[in-house]
Structures are given as C-alpha cells and as structure tokens.
C-alpha cells in the first residue's frame, strides 16, 4: 500500500485500533425499522477424491 519501513509495533497498534472500531460497530444496538434485508454468501466449489463434494 505504498508504506515502507513501518515497524511491527506500529502495525500492531493500527490493527488494535481497527479491531476496537470494528468491535464497536458489531456490538452497536440495532433499533428502529429495517425496510431491507441484504444477504450475501460465498460459494466455493471443491472436490474430494476427484468427486464434487458440494452440490
């Protein structure tokens, strides 16, 4: 991302800050009406022994 010479401790501090903000976002109360519901998923095809394991 264009950064050079950044120390491990700086990366750790940045990640801690990001983790705190994400935690606050995930723990926020959801109140009021929600007129939309958005669902998202990831589908990964895989094989086991040459046989397709997922439908």
Protein backbone atom coordinates (compact mmCIF):
# COMPACT_ATOMS: atom_id res chain seq x y z
CA UNK A 1 0.00 0.00 0.00
CA UNK A 2 2.93 2.30 -0.51
CA UNK A 3 4.30 2.13 3.03
CA UNK A 4 7.92 1.21 3.63
CA UNK A 5 9.85 0.94 6.85
CA UNK A 6 6.81 0.50 9.10
CA UNK A 7 7.60 -1.33 12.33
CA UNK A 8 5.80 -4.38 13.68
CA UNK A 9 4.71 -2.44 16.75
CA UNK A 10 3.14 0.28 14.58
CA UNK A 11 1.23 -2.35 12.60
CA UNK A 12 0.10 -3.93 15.87
CA UNK A 13 -1.15 -0.56 17.21
CA UNK A 14 -3.00 0.15 13.96
CA UNK A 15 -4.63 -3.29 14.00
CA UNK A 16 -5.67 -2.85 17.64
CA UNK A 17 -7.33 0.46 16.77
CA UNK A 18 -9.13 -1.12 13.81
CA UNK A 19 -10.24 -4.09 15.95
CA UNK A 20 -11.70 -1.70 18.55
CA UNK A 21 -13.65 0.23 15.91
CA UNK A 22 -14.93 -2.96 14.25
CA UNK A 23 -15.93 -4.34 17.68
CA UNK A 24 -17.87 -1.16 18.48
CA UNK A 25 -19.62 -1.38 15.10
CA UNK A 26 -20.55 -5.04 15.58
CA UNK A 27 -21.76 -4.51 19.16
CA UNK A 28 -23.92 -1.45 18.40
CA UNK A 29 -27.64 -1.75 19.11
CA UNK A 30 -29.92 -2.19 16.12
CA UNK A 31 -33.12 -0.31 16.69
CA UNK A 32 -35.86 1.05 14.51
CA UNK A 33 -37.30 -0.32 11.31
CA UNK A 34 -35.25 -2.03 8.64
CA UNK A 35 -37.06 -1.94 5.29
CA UNK A 36 -34.38 -4.02 3.53
CA UNK A 37 -32.59 -7.25 4.26
CA UNK A 38 -29.32 -7.86 2.40
CA UNK A 39 -27.91 -11.37 2.34
CA UNK A 40 -24.52 -12.27 0.98
CA UNK A 41 -22.71 -15.57 0.71
CA UNK A 42 -19.56 -17.13 -0.64
CA UNK A 43 -19.79 -20.39 -2.53
CA UNK A 44 -16.62 -22.39 -3.03
CA UNK A 45 -16.62 -25.47 -5.23
CA UNK A 46 -14.41 -28.27 -4.02
CA UNK A 47 -13.60 -31.84 -4.85
CA UNK A 48 -12.78 -34.78 -2.61
CA UNK A 49 -11.08 -37.70 -4.28
CA UNK A 50 -11.99 -36.28 -7.70
CA UNK A 51 -15.70 -36.16 -6.80
CA UNK A 52 -17.54 -32.91 -6.48
CA UNK A 53 -18.33 -32.55 -2.76
CA UNK A 54 -20.68 -29.54 -2.89
CA UNK A 55 -23.94 -29.50 -4.86
